[in-house]
Amino acid sequence: MITCCVRYLIAPGKLKEFEEYARRWTKLIPKFGGTHHGYFLPDDPAGLDGTFSFRGLGAAGPGDVAMALYSFPDAAAYNAYRRMSAEDDECKAVTAFFDETRCFTSYERTFLKQIK
């Protein structure tokens, strides 16, 4: 299995637009044979212990970073998704939504493997 982790820097004042972008894109990955594990936004829930497990090493993360995780069975399936999504009308519509809103300012893509 190949899992892709995408780290987005959300544009100032564009959280709602980013959430809409994420909702739209999440629905598309299964169409191409993948599994979308979700988009994850920063949160600061009340009642959490604010201390870090490893004293002197931990730090609070930024409040404008979101993550997405999705998987495909293998590299060939991921590459097929990339080719098919480039021609898909729904994917083009989500890209157009991003072009209109500019809801994130940058992103990083990392491929992950599970430790077994």
PDB file of N, CA and C in Angstrom:
ATOM      1  N   MET A   1       0.846  -1.173   0.000  1.00  0.00           N
ATOM      2  CA  MET A   1       0.000   0.000   0.000  1.00  0.00           C
ATOM      3  C   MET A   1       0.894   1.240   0.000  1.00  0.00           C
ATOM      4  N   ILE A   2       0.428   2.268  -0.682  1.00  0.00           N
ATOM      5  CA  ILE A   2       1.114   3.552  -0.695  1.00  0.00           C
ATOM      6  C   ILE A   2       0.167   4.600  -0.102  1.00  0.00           C
ATOM      7  N   THR A   3       0.648   5.315   0.890  1.00  0.00           N
ATOM      8  CA  THR A   3      -0.161   6.343   1.549  1.00  0.00           C
ATOM      9  C   THR A   3       0.498   7.693   1.321  1.00  0.00           C
ATOM     10  N   CYS A   4      -0.314   8.640   0.936  1.00  0.00           N
ATOM     11  CA  CYS A   4       0.153   9.990   0.678  1.00  0.00           C
ATOM     12  C   CYS A   4      -0.342  10.903   1.796  1.00  0.00           C
ATOM     13  N   CYS A   5       0.578  11.661   2.357  1.00  0.00           N
ATOM     14  CA  CYS A   5       0.257  12.664   3.372  1.00  0.00           C
ATOM     15  C   CYS A   5       0.518  14.026   2.745  1.00  0.00           C
ATOM     16  N   VAL A   6      -0.510  14.854   2.699  1.00  0.00           N
ATOM     17  CA  VAL A   6      -0.369  16.193   2.152  1.00  0.00           C
ATOM     18  C   VAL A   6      -0.547  17.189   3.294  1.00  0.00           C
ATOM     19  N   ARG A   7       0.416  18.071   3.451  1.00  0.00           N
ATOM     20  CA  ARG A   7       0.410  19.115   4.492  1.00  0.00           C
ATOM     21  C   ARG A   7       0.165  20.447   3.797  1.00  0.00           C
ATOM     22  N   TYR A   8      -0.934  21.091   4.154  1.00  0.00           N
ATOM     23  CA  TYR A   8      -1.344  22.354   3.546  1.00  0.00           C
ATOM     24  C   TYR A   8      -1.111  23.513   4.505  1.00  0.00           C
ATOM     25  N   LEU A   9      -0.742  24.649   3.978  1.00  0.00           N
ATOM     26  CA  LEU A   9      -0.717  25.893   4.730  1.00  0.00           C
ATOM     27  C   LEU A   9      -1.969  26.661   4.321  1.00  0.00           C
ATOM     28  N   ILE A  10      -2.915  26.757   5.247  1.00  0.00           N
ATOM     29  CA  ILE A  10      -4.201  27.390   4.953  1.00  0.00           C
ATOM     30  C   ILE A  10      -4.009  28.899   4.833  1.00  0.00           C
ATOM     31  N   ALA A  11      -4.604  29.485   3.811  1.00  0.00           N
ATOM     32  CA  ALA A  11      -4.501  30.926   3.585  1.00  0.00           C
ATOM     33  C   ALA A  11      -5.251  31.677   4.689  1.00  0.00           C
ATOM     34  N   PRO A  12      -4.718  32.805   5.137  1.00  0.00           N
ATOM     35  CA  PRO A  12      -5.402  33.601   6.176  1.00  0.00           C
ATOM     36  C   PRO A  12      -6.828  33.945   5.749  1.00  0.00           C
ATOM     37  N   GLY A  13      -7.757  33.697   6.674  1.00  0.00           N
ATOM     38  CA  GLY A  13      -9.158  34.026   6.434  1.00  0.00           C
ATOM     39  C   GLY A  13      -9.878  33.110   5.469  1.00  0.00           C
ATOM     40  N   LYS A  14      -9.277  31.978   5.109  1.00  0.00           N
ATOM     41  CA  LYS A  14      -9.873  31.082   4.107  1.00  0.00           C
ATOM     42  C   LYS A  14     -10.193  29.691   4.650  1.00  0.00           C
ATOM     43  N   LEU A  15     -10.406  29.591   5.961  1.00  0.00           N
ATOM     44  CA  LEU A  15     -10.671  28.275   6.549  1.00  0.00           C
ATOM     45  C   LEU A  15     -11.941  27.644   5.983  1.00  0.00           C
ATOM     46  N   LYS A  16     -13.016  28.400   5.877  1.00  0.00           N
ATOM     47  CA  LYS A  16     -14.274  27.836   5.355  1.00  0.00           C
ATOM     48  C   LYS A  16     -14.108  27.365   3.914  1.00  0.00           C
ATOM     49  N   GLU A  17     -13.382  28.133   3.124  1.00  0.00           N
ATOM     50  CA  GLU A  17     -13.143  27.738   1.744  1.00  0.00           C
ATOM     51  C   GLU A  17     -12.281  26.473   1.689  1.00  0.00           C
ATOM     52  N   PHE A  18     -11.288  26.389   2.573  1.00  0.00           N
ATOM     53  CA  PHE A  18     -10.462  25.192   2.610  1.00  0.00           C
ATOM     54  C   PHE A  18     -11.305  23.976   3.002  1.00  0.00           C
ATOM     55  N   GLU A  19     -12.179  24.138   3.978  1.00  0.00           N
ATOM     56  CA  GLU A  19     -13.048  23.028   4.385  1.00  0.00           C
ATOM     57  C   GLU A  19     -13.898  22.551   3.210  1.00  0.00           C
ATOM     58  N   GLU A  20     -14.413  23.466   2.418  1.00  0.00           N
ATOM     59  CA  GLU A  20     -15.208  23.090   1.246  1.00  0.00           C
ATOM     60  C   GLU A  20     -14.343  22.361   0.220  1.00  0.00           C
ATOM     61  N   TYR A  21     -13.146  22.860  -0.025  1.00  0.00           N
ATOM     62  CA  TYR A  21     -12.198  22.197  -0.926  1.00  0.00           C
ATOM     63  C   TYR A  21     -11.959  20.756  -0.441  1.00  0.00           C
ATOM     64  N   ALA A  22     -11.703  20.597   0.842  1.00  0.00           N
ATOM     65  CA  ALA A  22     -11.421  19.280   1.412  1.00  0.00           C
ATOM     66  C   ALA A  22     -12.616  18.344   1.261  1.00  0.00           C
ATOM     67  N   ARG A  23     -13.801  18.828   1.558  1.00  0.00           N
ATOM     68  CA  ARG A  23     -15.003  17.981   1.421  1.00  0.00           C
ATOM     69  C   ARG A  23     -15.163  17.498  -0.015  1.00  0.00           C
ATOM     70  N   ARG A  24     -14.935  18.388  -0.951  1.00  0.00           N
ATOM     71  CA  ARG A  24     -15.081  18.013  -2.364  1.00  0.00           C
ATOM     72  C   ARG A  24     -14.031  16.986  -2.773  1.00  0.00           C
ATOM     73  N   TRP A  25     -12.784  17.221  -2.385  1.00  0.00           N
ATOM     74  CA  TRP A  25     -11.711  16.322  -2.825  1.00  0.00           C
ATOM     75  C   TRP A  25     -11.811  14.950  -2.166  1.00  0.00           C
ATOM     76  N   THR A  26     -12.235  14.901  -0.905  1.00  0.00           N
ATOM     77  CA  THR A  26     -12.355  13.633  -0.186  1.00  0.00           C
ATOM     78  C   THR A  26     -13.262  12.656  -0.926  1.00  0.00           C
ATOM     79  N   LYS A  27     -14.296  13.159  -1.555  1.00  0.00           N
ATOM     80  CA  LYS A  27     -15.251  12.299  -2.258  1.00  0.00           C
ATOM     81  C   LYS A  27     -14.687  11.727  -3.551  1.00  0.00           C
ATOM     82  N   LEU A  28     -13.603  12.304  -4.063  1.00  0.00           N
ATOM     83  CA  LEU A  28     -13.101  11.897  -5.375  1.00  0.00           C
ATOM     84  C   LEU A  28     -12.113  10.738  -5.341  1.00  0.00           C
ATOM     85  N   ILE A  29     -11.341  10.601  -4.304  1.00  0.00           N
ATOM     86  CA  ILE A  29     -10.298   9.567  -4.252  1.00  0.00           C
ATOM     87  C   ILE A  29     -10.879   8.152  -4.458  1.00  0.00           C
ATOM     88  N   PRO A  30     -12.001   7.788  -3.805  1.00  0.00           N
ATOM     89  CA  PRO A  30     -12.555   6.446  -4.027  1.00  0.00           C
ATOM     90  C   PRO A  30     -12.954   6.180  -5.486  1.00  0.00           C
ATOM     91  N   LYS A  31     -13.310   7.225  -6.196  1.00  0.00           N
ATOM     92  CA  LYS A  31     -13.683   7.100  -7.598  1.00  0.00           C
ATOM     93  C   LYS A  31     -12.542   6.494  -8.426  1.00  0.00           C
ATOM     94  N   PHE A  32     -11.313   6.687  -7.967  1.00  0.00           N
ATOM     95  CA  PHE A  32     -10.136   6.227  -8.693  1.00  0.00           C
ATOM     96  C   PHE A  32      -9.449   5.041  -8.013  1.00  0.00           C
ATOM     97  N   GLY A  33     -10.155   4.379  -7.092  1.00  0.00           N
ATOM     98  CA  GLY A  33      -9.632   3.164  -6.475  1.00  0.00           C
ATOM     99  C   GLY A  33      -8.845   3.361  -5.196  1.00  0.00           C
ATOM    100  N   GLY A  34      -8.864   4.575  -4.658  1.00  0.00           N
ATOM    101  CA  GLY A  34      -8.131   4.850  -3.428  1.00  0.00           C
ATOM    102  C   GLY A  34      -9.038   4.916  -2.219  1.00  0.00           C
ATOM    103  N   THR A  35      -8.420   5.078  -1.069  1.00  0.00           N
ATOM    104  CA  THR A  35      -9.131   5.267   0.194  1.00  0.00           C
ATOM    105  C   THR A  35      -8.697   6.600   0.764  1.00  0.00           C
ATOM    106  N   HIS A  36      -9.658   7.479   0.989  1.00  0.00           N
ATOM    107  CA  HIS A  36      -9.332   8.763   1.620  1.00  0.00           C
ATOM    108  C   HIS A  36      -9.557   8.617   3.110  1.00  0.00           C
ATOM    109  N   HIS A  37      -8.527   8.901   3.896  1.00  0.00           N
ATOM    110  CA  HIS A  37      -8.604   8.770   5.346  1.00  0.00           C
ATOM    111  C   HIS A  37      -9.066  10.063   6.006  1.00  0.00           C
ATOM    112  N   GLY A  38      -9.201  11.123   5.225  1.00  0.00           N
ATOM    113  CA  GLY A  38      -9.738  12.374   5.734  1.00  0.00           C
ATOM    114  C   GLY A  38      -8.757  13.530   5.680  1.00  0.00           C
ATOM    115  N   TYR A  39      -9.329  14.702   5.861  1.00  0.00           N
ATOM    116  CA  TYR A  39      -8.572  15.935   6.062  1.00  0.00           C
ATOM    117  C   TYR A  39      -8.631  16.242   7.547  1.00  0.00           C
ATOM    118  N   PHE A  40      -7.569  16.786   8.065  1.00  0.00           N
ATOM    119  CA  PHE A  40      -7.477  17.076   9.491  1.00  0.00           C
ATOM    120  C   PHE A  40      -7.045  18.524   9.660  1.00  0.00           C
ATOM    121  N   LEU A  41      -7.861  19.275  10.403  1.00  0.00           N
ATOM    122  CA  LEU A  41      -7.609  20.694  10.645  1.00  0.00           C
ATOM    123  C   LEU A  41      -7.085  20.907  12.054  1.00  0.00           C
ATOM    124  N   PRO A  42      -6.380  22.005  12.265  1.00  0.00           N
ATOM    125  CA  PRO A  42      -5.924  22.311  13.628  1.00  0.00           C
ATOM    126  C   PRO A  42      -7.119  22.464  14.568  1.00  0.00           C
ATOM    127  N   ASP A  43      -6.914  22.062  15.797  1.00  0.00           N
ATOM    128  CA  ASP A  43      -7.964  22.166  16.807  1.00  0.00           C
ATOM    129  C   ASP A  43      -7.289  22.426  18.149  1.00  0.00           C
ATOM    130  N   ASP A  44      -7.999  23.070  19.031  1.00  0.00           N
ATOM    131  CA  ASP A  44      -7.479  23.345  20.369  1.00  0.00           C
ATOM    132  C   ASP A  44      -8.597  23.063  21.371  1.00  0.00           C
ATOM    133  N   PRO A  45      -8.926  21.777  21.549  1.00  0.00           N
ATOM    134  CA  PRO A  45     -10.054  21.444  22.419  1.00  0.00           C
ATOM    135  C   PRO A  45      -9.785  21.792  23.882  1.00  0.00           C
ATOM    136  N   ALA A  46     -10.818  22.238  24.533  1.00  0.00           N
ATOM    137  CA  ALA A  46     -10.723  22.573  25.957  1.00  0.00           C
ATOM    138  C   ALA A  46     -10.505  21.300  26.768  1.00  0.00           C
ATOM    139  N   GLY A  47      -9.806  21.432  27.876  1.00  0.00           N
ATOM    140  CA  GLY A  47      -9.649  20.332  28.805  1.00  0.00           C
ATOM    141  C   GLY A  47      -8.463  19.427  28.546  1.00  0.00           C
ATOM    142  N   LEU A  48      -7.639  19.737  27.544  1.00  0.00           N
ATOM    143  CA  LEU A  48      -6.470  18.896  27.291  1.00  0.00           C
ATOM    144  C   LEU A  48      -5.321  19.280  28.210  1.00  0.00           C
ATOM    145  N   ASP A  49      -4.555  18.284  28.613  1.00  0.00           N
ATOM    146  CA  ASP A  49      -3.333  18.520  29.372  1.00  0.00           C
ATOM    147  C   ASP A  49      -2.321  19.143  28.411  1.00  0.00           C
ATOM    148  N   GLY A  50      -1.831  20.322  28.705  1.00  0.00           N
ATOM    149  CA  GLY A  50      -0.942  21.041  27.801  1.00  0.00           C
ATOM    150  C   GLY A  50       0.522  20.680  27.914  1.00  0.00           C
ATOM    151  N   THR A  51       0.860  19.749  28.790  1.00  0.00           N
ATOM    152  CA  THR A  51       2.272  19.400  28.935  1.00  0.00           C
ATOM    153  C   THR A  51       2.694  18.422  27.835  1.00  0.00           C
ATOM    154  N   PHE A  52       3.980  18.385  27.572  1.00  0.00           N
ATOM    155  CA  PHE A  52       4.528  17.497  26.558  1.00  0.00           C
ATOM    156  C   PHE A  52       5.187  16.300  27.237  1.00  0.00           C
ATOM    157  N   SER A  53       5.124  15.163  26.569  1.00  0.00           N
ATOM    158  CA  SER A  53       5.668  13.929  27.138  1.00  0.00           C
ATOM    159  C   SER A  53       7.177  13.967  27.297  1.00  0.00           C
ATOM    160  N   PHE A  54       7.862  14.595  26.384  1.00  0.00           N
ATOM    161  CA  PHE A  54       9.317  14.643  26.414  1.00  0.00           C
ATOM    162  C   PHE A  54       9.741  16.083  26.689  1.00  0.00           C
ATOM    163  N   ARG A  55       9.980  16.360  27.959  1.00  0.00           N
ATOM    164  CA  ARG A  55      10.308  17.705  28.426  1.00  0.00           C
ATOM    165  C   ARG A  55      11.432  18.326  27.592  1.00  0.00           C
ATOM    166  N   GLY A  56      11.217  19.561  27.172  1.00  0.00           N
ATOM    167  CA  GLY A  56      12.215  20.298  26.425  1.00  0.00           C
ATOM    168  C   GLY A  56      12.255  19.999  24.930  1.00  0.00           C
ATOM    169  N   LEU A  57      11.485  19.032  24.474  1.00  0.00           N
ATOM    170  CA  LEU A  57      11.493  18.677  23.060  1.00  0.00           C
ATOM    171  C   LEU A  57      10.215  19.077  22.332  1.00  0.00           C
ATOM    172  N   GLY A  58       9.107  19.117  23.038  1.00  0.00           N
ATOM    173  CA  GLY A  58       7.816  19.377  22.408  1.00  0.00           C
ATOM    174  C   GLY A  58       7.531  20.852  22.225  1.00  0.00           C
ATOM    175  N   ALA A  59       6.704  21.148  21.226  1.00  0.00           N
ATOM    176  CA  ALA A  59       6.247  22.509  20.971  1.00  0.00           C
ATOM    177  C   ALA A  59       4.872  22.439  20.320  1.00  0.00           C
ATOM    178  N   ALA A  60       4.060  23.438  20.555  1.00  0.00           N
ATOM    179  CA  ALA A  60       2.749  23.506  19.919  1.00  0.00           C
ATOM    180  C   ALA A  60       2.921  23.714  18.419  1.00  0.00           C
ATOM    181  N   GLY A  61       2.124  23.031  17.641  1.00  0.00           N
ATOM    182  CA  GLY A  61       2.173  23.173  16.188  1.00  0.00           C
ATOM    183  C   GLY A  61       1.417  24.417  15.734  1.00  0.00           C
ATOM    184  N   PRO A  62       1.603  24.778  14.476  1.00  0.00           N
ATOM    185  CA  PRO A  62       0.949  25.972  13.948  1.00  0.00           C
ATOM    186  C   PRO A  62      -0.559  25.786  13.806  1.00  0.00           C
ATOM    187  N   GLY A  63      -1.280  26.884  13.890  1.00  0.00           N
ATOM    188  CA  GLY A  63      -2.735  26.847  13.788  1.00  0.00           C
ATOM    189  C   GLY A  63      -3.262  26.982  12.376  1.00  0.00           C
ATOM    190  N   ASP A  64      -2.379  27.033  11.391  1.00  0.00           N
ATOM    191  CA  ASP A  64      -2.820  27.210  10.011  1.00  0.00           C
ATOM    192  C   ASP A  64      -2.378  26.069   9.087  1.00  0.00           C
ATOM    193  N   VAL A  65      -2.136  24.911   9.679  1.00  0.00           N
ATOM    194  CA  VAL A  65      -1.697  23.746   8.909  1.00  0.00           C
ATOM    195  C   VAL A  65      -2.778  22.679   8.952  1.00  0.00           C
ATOM    196  N   ALA A  66      -3.095  22.120   7.793  1.00  0.00           N
ATOM    197  CA  ALA A  66      -4.038  21.009   7.683  1.00  0.00           C
ATOM    198  C   ALA A  66      -3.318  19.835   7.041  1.00  0.00           C
ATOM    199  N   MET A  67      -3.825  18.650   7.288  1.00  0.00           N
ATOM    200  CA  MET A  67      -3.251  17.427   6.726  1.00  0.00           C
ATOM    201  C   MET A  67      -4.346  16.629   6.030  1.00  0.00           C
ATOM    202  N   ALA A  68      -3.952  15.928   4.983  1.00  0.00           N
ATOM    203  CA  ALA A  68      -4.828  14.967   4.311  1.00  0.00           C
ATOM    204  C   ALA A  68      -4.048  13.668   4.159  1.00  0.00           C
ATOM    205  N   LEU A  69      -4.738  12.560   4.321  1.00  0.00           N
ATOM    206  CA  LEU A  69      -4.137  11.231   4.143  1.00  0.00           C
ATOM    207  C   LEU A  69      -5.019  10.407   3.219  1.00  0.00           C
ATOM    208  N   TYR A  70      -4.406   9.828   2.196  1.00  0.00           N
ATOM    209  CA  TYR A  70      -5.142   8.912   1.335  1.00  0.00           C
ATOM    210  C   TYR A  70      -4.195   7.836   0.834  1.00  0.00           C
ATOM    211  N   SER A  71      -4.765   6.665   0.508  1.00  0.00           N
ATOM    212  CA  SER A  71      -3.954   5.508   0.141  1.00  0.00           C
ATOM    213  C   SER A  71      -4.427   4.882  -1.161  1.00  0.00           C
ATOM    214  N   PHE A  72      -3.475   4.231  -1.825  1.00  0.00           N
ATOM    215  CA  PHE A  72      -3.740   3.406  -2.998  1.00  0.00           C
ATOM    216  C   PHE A  72      -3.020   2.080  -2.794  1.00  0.00           C
ATOM    217  N   PRO A  73      -3.485   1.024  -3.456  1.00  0.00           N
ATOM    218  CA  PRO A  73      -2.875  -0.287  -3.248  1.00  0.00           C
ATOM    219  C   PRO A  73      -1.375  -0.340  -3.541  1.00  0.00           C
ATOM    220  N   ASP A  74      -0.922   0.429  -4.551  1.00  0.00           N
ATOM    221  CA  ASP A  74       0.493   0.404  -4.924  1.00  0.00           C
ATOM    222  C   ASP A  74       0.801   1.627  -5.785  1.00  0.00           C
ATOM    223  N   ALA A  75       2.056   1.760  -6.186  1.00  0.00           N
ATOM    224  CA  ALA A  75       2.479   2.917  -6.976  1.00  0.00           C
ATOM    225  C   ALA A  75       1.776   2.963  -8.332  1.00  0.00           C
ATOM    226  N   ALA A  76       1.541   1.813  -8.945  1.00  0.00           N
ATOM    227  CA  ALA A  76       0.853   1.785 -10.237  1.00  0.00           C
ATOM    228  C   ALA A  76      -0.561   2.352 -10.113  1.00  0.00           C
ATOM    229  N   ALA A  77      -1.265   1.985  -9.045  1.00  0.00           N
ATOM    230  CA  ALA A  77      -2.619   2.502  -8.824  1.00  0.00           C
ATOM    231  C   ALA A  77      -2.592   4.010  -8.563  1.00  0.00           C
ATOM    232  N   TYR A  78      -1.597   4.464  -7.807  1.00  0.00           N
ATOM    233  CA  TYR A  78      -1.466   5.904  -7.566  1.00  0.00           C
ATOM    234  C   TYR A  78      -1.200   6.640  -8.879  1.00  0.00           C
ATOM    235  N   ASN A  79      -0.306   6.116  -9.697  1.00  0.00           N
ATOM    236  CA  ASN A  79      -0.003   6.759 -10.976  1.00  0.00           C
ATOM    237  C   ASN A  79      -1.211   6.771 -11.900  1.00  0.00           C
ATOM    238  N   ALA A  80      -2.010   5.705 -11.883  1.00  0.00           N
ATOM    239  CA  ALA A  80      -3.242   5.666 -12.677  1.00  0.00           C
ATOM    240  C   ALA A  80      -4.215   6.736 -12.194  1.00  0.00           C
ATOM    241  N   TYR A  81      -4.339   6.874 -10.878  1.00  0.00           N
ATOM    242  CA  TYR A  81      -5.191   7.934 -10.308  1.00  0.00           C
ATOM    243  C   TYR A  81      -4.738   9.306 -10.807  1.00  0.00           C
ATOM    244  N   ARG A  82      -3.441   9.562 -10.790  1.00  0.00           N
ATOM    245  CA  ARG A  82      -2.927  10.861 -11.234  1.00  0.00           C
ATOM    246  C   ARG A  82      -3.308  11.124 -12.697  1.00  0.00           C
ATOM    247  N   ARG A  83      -3.164  10.112 -13.531  1.00  0.00           N
ATOM    248  CA  ARG A  83      -3.505  10.279 -14.960  1.00  0.00           C
ATOM    249  C   ARG A  83      -5.005  10.506 -15.139  1.00  0.00           C
ATOM    250  N   MET A  84      -5.817   9.678 -14.500  1.00  0.00           N
ATOM    251  CA  MET A  84      -7.272   9.774 -14.666  1.00  0.00           C
ATOM    252  C   MET A  84      -7.829  11.065 -14.074  1.00  0.00           C
ATOM    253  N   SER A  85      -7.322  11.464 -12.910  1.00  0.00           N
ATOM    254  CA  SER A  85      -7.854  12.667 -12.266  1.00  0.00           C
ATOM    255  C   SER A  85      -7.550  13.930 -13.068  1.00  0.00           C
ATOM    256  N   ALA A  86      -6.470  13.915 -13.811  1.00  0.00           N
ATOM    257  CA  ALA A  86      -6.118  15.080 -14.628  1.00  0.00           C
ATOM    258  C   ALA A  86      -7.134  15.319 -15.741  1.00  0.00           C
ATOM    259  N   GLU A  87      -7.865  14.282 -16.124  1.00  0.00           N
ATOM    260  CA  GLU A  87      -8.851  14.391 -17.199  1.00  0.00           C
ATOM    261  C   GLU A  87     -10.294  14.406 -16.698  1.00  0.00           C
ATOM    262  N   ASP A  88     -10.490  14.235 -15.413  1.00  0.00           N
ATOM    263  CA  ASP A  88     -11.826  14.101 -14.825  1.00  0.00           C
ATOM    264  C   ASP A  88     -12.481  15.460 -14.598  1.00  0.00           C
ATOM    265  N   ASP A  89     -13.739  15.594 -15.016  1.00  0.00           N
ATOM    266  CA  ASP A  89     -14.452  16.874 -14.888  1.00  0.00           C
ATOM    267  C   ASP A  89     -14.665  17.292 -13.439  1.00  0.00           C
ATOM    268  N   GLU A  90     -14.965  16.330 -12.553  1.00  0.00           N
ATOM    269  CA  GLU A  90     -15.158  16.684 -11.140  1.00  0.00           C
ATOM    270  C   GLU A  90     -13.852  17.171 -10.514  1.00  0.00           C
ATOM    271  N   CYS A  91     -12.747  16.537 -10.857  1.00  0.00           N
ATOM    272  CA  CYS A  91     -11.446  16.978 -10.341  1.00  0.00           C
ATOM    273  C   CYS A  91     -11.097  18.360 -10.881  1.00  0.00           C
ATOM    274  N   LYS A  92     -11.402  18.593 -12.138  1.00  0.00           N
ATOM    275  CA  LYS A  92     -11.165  19.916 -12.723  1.00  0.00           C
ATOM    276  C   LYS A  92     -12.003  20.976 -12.015  1.00  0.00           C
ATOM    277  N   ALA A  93     -13.225  20.625 -11.617  1.00  0.00           N
ATOM    278  CA  ALA A  93     -14.087  21.575 -10.909  1.00  0.00           C
ATOM    279  C   ALA A  93     -13.516  21.929  -9.537  1.00  0.00           C
ATOM    280  N   VAL A  94     -12.961  20.938  -8.827  1.00  0.00           N
ATOM    281  CA  VAL A  94     -12.354  21.217  -7.517  1.00  0.00           C
ATOM    282  C   VAL A  94     -11.107  22.084  -7.700  1.00  0.00           C
ATOM    283  N   THR A  95     -10.355  21.813  -8.733  1.00  0.00           N
ATOM    284  CA  THR A  95      -9.183  22.644  -9.019  1.00  0.00           C
ATOM    285  C   THR A  95      -9.602  24.069  -9.346  1.00  0.00           C
ATOM    286  N   ALA A  96     -10.676  24.220 -10.091  1.00  0.00           N
ATOM    287  CA  ALA A  96     -11.193  25.567 -10.402  1.00  0.00           C
ATOM    288  C   ALA A  96     -11.644  26.275  -9.122  1.00  0.00           C
ATOM    289  N   PHE A  97     -12.253  25.525  -8.194  1.00  0.00           N
ATOM    290  CA  PHE A  97     -12.657  26.112  -6.911  1.00  0.00           C
ATOM    291  C   PHE A  97     -11.418  26.635  -6.176  1.00  0.00           C
ATOM    292  N   PHE A  98     -10.342  25.848  -6.162  1.00  0.00           N
ATOM    293  CA  PHE A  98      -9.110  26.328  -5.549  1.00  0.00           C
ATOM    294  C   PHE A  98      -8.602  27.587  -6.264  1.00  0.00           C
ATOM    295  N   ASP A  99      -8.604  27.565  -7.590  1.00  0.00           N
ATOM    296  CA  ASP A  99      -8.127  28.728  -8.351  1.00  0.00           C
ATOM    297  C   ASP A  99      -8.909  29.994  -7.998  1.00  0.00           C
ATOM    298  N   GLU A 100     -10.207  29.828  -7.741  1.00  0.00           N
ATOM    299  CA  GLU A 100     -11.057  30.968  -7.373  1.00  0.00           C
ATOM    300  C   GLU A 100     -10.799  31.442  -5.948  1.00  0.00           C
ATOM    301  N   THR A 101     -10.606  30.514  -5.024  1.00  0.00           N
ATOM    302  CA  THR A 101     -10.536  30.866  -3.601  1.00  0.00           C
ATOM    303  C   THR A 101      -9.120  31.027  -3.074  1.00  0.00           C
ATOM    304  N   ARG A 102      -8.151  30.344  -3.695  1.00  0.00           N
ATOM    305  CA  ARG A 102      -6.764  30.347  -3.197  1.00  0.00           C
ATOM    306  C   ARG A 102      -6.755  30.057  -1.694  1.00  0.00           C
ATOM    307  N   CYS A 103      -7.447  28.985  -1.299  1.00  0.00           N
ATOM    308  CA  CYS A 103      -7.674  28.675   0.113  1.00  0.00           C
ATOM    309  C   CYS A 103      -6.449  28.100   0.827  1.00  0.00           C
ATOM    310  N   PHE A 104      -5.406  27.754   0.110  1.00  0.00           N
ATOM    311  CA  PHE A 104      -4.141  27.406   0.748  1.00  0.00           C
ATOM    312  C   PHE A 104      -3.008  28.056  -0.036  1.00  0.00           C
ATOM    313  N   THR A 105      -1.928  28.319   0.680  1.00  0.00           N
ATOM    314  CA  THR A 105      -0.817  29.053   0.055  1.00  0.00           C
ATOM    315  C   THR A 105       0.330  28.150  -0.367  1.00  0.00           C
ATOM    316  N   SER A 106       0.392  26.948   0.189  1.00  0.00           N
ATOM    317  CA  SER A 106       1.412  25.982  -0.211  1.00  0.00           C
ATOM    318  C   SER A 106       1.014  24.612   0.303  1.00  0.00           C
ATOM    319  N   TYR A 107       1.700  23.592  -0.226  1.00  0.00           N
ATOM    320  CA  TYR A 107       1.500  22.236   0.289  1.00  0.00           C
ATOM    321  C   TYR A 107       2.761  21.425   0.086  1.00  0.00           C
ATOM    322  N   GLU A 108       2.875  20.386   0.904  1.00  0.00           N
ATOM    323  CA  GLU A 108       3.970  19.416   0.810  1.00  0.00           C
ATOM    324  C   GLU A 108       3.365  18.027   0.714  1.00  0.00           C
ATOM    325  N   ARG A 109       3.979  17.183  -0.073  1.00  0.00           N
ATOM    326  CA  ARG A 109       3.492  15.813  -0.228  1.00  0.00           C
ATOM    327  C   ARG A 109       4.581  14.851   0.241  1.00  0.00           C
ATOM    328  N   THR A 110       4.186  13.925   1.112  1.00  0.00           N
ATOM    329  CA  THR A 110       5.096  12.897   1.611  1.00  0.00           C
ATOM    330  C   THR A 110       4.424  11.546   1.441  1.00  0.00           C
ATOM    331  N   PHE A 111       5.152  10.581   0.906  1.00  0.00           N
ATOM    332  CA  PHE A 111       4.647   9.225   0.827  1.00  0.00           C
ATOM    333  C   PHE A 111       5.114   8.462   2.059  1.00  0.00           C
ATOM    334  N   LEU A 112       4.180   7.717   2.648  1.00  0.00           N
ATOM    335  CA  LEU A 112       4.442   7.024   3.905  1.00  0.00           C
ATOM    336  C   LEU A 112       4.273   5.524   3.741  1.00  0.00           C
ATOM    337  N   LYS A 113       4.978   4.772   4.564  1.00  0.00           N
ATOM    338  CA  LYS A 113       4.743   3.337   4.653  1.00  0.00           C
ATOM    339  C   LYS A 113       4.469   3.013   6.114  1.00  0.00           C
ATOM    340  N   GLN A 114       3.597   2.066   6.318  1.00  0.00           N
ATOM    341  CA  GLN A 114       3.209   1.671   7.672  1.00  0.00           C
ATOM    342  C   GLN A 114       4.271   0.756   8.271  1.00  0.00           C
ATOM    343  N   ILE A 115       4.570   0.980   9.517  1.00  0.00           N
ATOM    344  CA  ILE A 115       5.470   0.104  10.263  1.00  0.00           C
ATOM    345  C   ILE A 115       4.648  -1.079  10.751  1.00  0.00           C
ATOM    346  N   LYS A 116       5.120  -2.257  10.458  1.00  0.00           N
ATOM    347  CA  LYS A 116       4.376  -3.469  10.869  1.00  0.00           C
ATOM    348  C   LYS A 116       5.193  -4.266  11.835  1.00  0.00           C
TER     349      LYS A 116
END
